């Protein structure tokens, strides 16, 4: 949603209608329901692979005592 709303800063971007904003609000409400989420705890040494085309994802704040978190992106394609 953030990217959609931030697009409004560009003069040539189509303006969001009240109906479109209402749909975004309804979508946010669905995403906020606990039964629509999965908490995954990642431990040191774990590898988490997420397909951005099949799931929505976010993360909570975290603390890294020695500031060694490494996040890398990789793109894989199949034919």
Protein backbone atom coordinates (compact mmCIF):
# COMPACT_ATOMS: atom_id res chain seq x y z
CA UNK A 1 0.00 0.00 0.00
CA UNK A 2 2.81 2.36 0.82
CA UNK A 3 4.12 2.28 -2.75
CA UNK A 4 0.64 2.83 -4.17
CA UNK A 5 0.00 5.84 -1.95
CA UNK A 6 3.48 7.26 -2.51
CA UNK A 7 2.82 7.24 -6.24
CA UNK A 8 0.43 10.12 -5.62
CA UNK A 9 3.36 12.49 -5.24
CA UNK A 10 3.88 12.31 -9.01
CA UNK A 11 1.66 14.69 -10.96
CA UNK A 12 1.19 12.23 -13.83
CA UNK A 13 0.11 9.31 -11.60
CA UNK A 14 -3.61 8.52 -11.77
CA UNK A 15 -5.39 9.82 -8.68
CA UNK A 16 -6.77 7.22 -6.30
CA UNK A 17 -10.53 7.34 -6.00
CA UNK A 18 -12.48 6.99 -2.76
CA UNK A 19 -13.60 3.55 -3.93
CA UNK A 20 -9.98 2.47 -4.50
CA UNK A 21 -8.97 3.76 -1.07
CA UNK A 22 -11.88 1.84 0.47
CA UNK A 23 -10.62 -1.36 -1.21
CA UNK A 24 -7.12 -0.74 0.16
CA UNK A 25 -8.63 -0.23 3.64
CA UNK A 26 -10.56 -3.51 3.37
CA UNK A 27 -7.41 -5.32 2.19
CA UNK A 28 -5.44 -3.90 5.14
CA UNK A 29 -8.17 -5.10 7.51
CA UNK A 30 -7.94 -8.63 6.09
CA UNK A 31 -4.16 -8.67 6.31
CA UNK A 32 -4.28 -7.55 9.94
CA UNK A 33 -6.42 -10.53 11.01
CA UNK A 34 -4.28 -12.98 13.04
CA UNK A 35 -5.59 -16.02 11.16
CA UNK A 36 -4.15 -14.60 7.95
CA UNK A 37 -0.56 -14.48 9.17
CA UNK A 38 2.24 -16.83 10.07
CA UNK A 39 5.00 -16.01 12.53
CA UNK A 40 8.36 -17.48 11.58
CA UNK A 41 11.22 -17.19 14.02
CA UNK A 42 14.57 -17.22 12.27
CA UNK A 43 17.63 -18.36 14.21
CA UNK A 44 21.31 -17.86 13.42
CA UNK A 45 22.28 -20.08 10.50
CA UNK A 46 18.72 -20.32 9.14
CA UNK A 47 17.98 -19.58 5.52
CA UNK A 48 14.55 -18.19 4.70
CA UNK A 49 13.46 -18.23 1.07
CA UNK A 50 10.32 -16.28 0.15
CA UNK A 51 8.64 -16.12 -3.23
CA UNK A 52 7.51 -12.52 -3.63
CA UNK A 53 5.03 -13.55 -6.31
CA UNK A 54 3.13 -15.86 -3.97
CA UNK A 55 3.12 -14.25 -0.54
CA UNK A 56 3.00 -10.91 1.17
CA UNK A 57 5.65 -10.50 3.82
CA UNK A 58 6.95 -8.09 6.37
CA UNK A 59 9.05 -8.27 9.49
CA UNK A 60 8.92 -6.94 13.00
CA UNK A 61 11.72 -4.93 14.52
CA UNK A 62 14.65 -6.98 15.70
CA UNK A 63 17.74 -6.52 17.82
CA UNK A 64 21.09 -7.84 16.74
CA UNK A 65 23.52 -7.61 19.64
CA UNK A 66 26.56 -7.77 17.39
CA UNK A 67 25.01 -6.11 14.32
CA UNK A 68 25.81 -8.98 11.94
CA UNK A 69 22.48 -9.47 10.22
CA UNK A 70 22.96 -10.24 6.57
CA UNK A 71 20.09 -10.00 4.14
CA UNK A 72 20.67 -10.75 0.48
CA UNK A 73 18.37 -10.84 -2.48
CA UNK A 74 18.57 -13.49 -5.12
CA UNK A 75 16.56 -13.84 -8.28
CA UNK A 76 15.83 -17.26 -9.66
CA UNK A 77 14.01 -18.03 -12.88
CA UNK A 78 12.78 -21.18 -14.46
CA UNK A 79 11.70 -21.88 -17.99
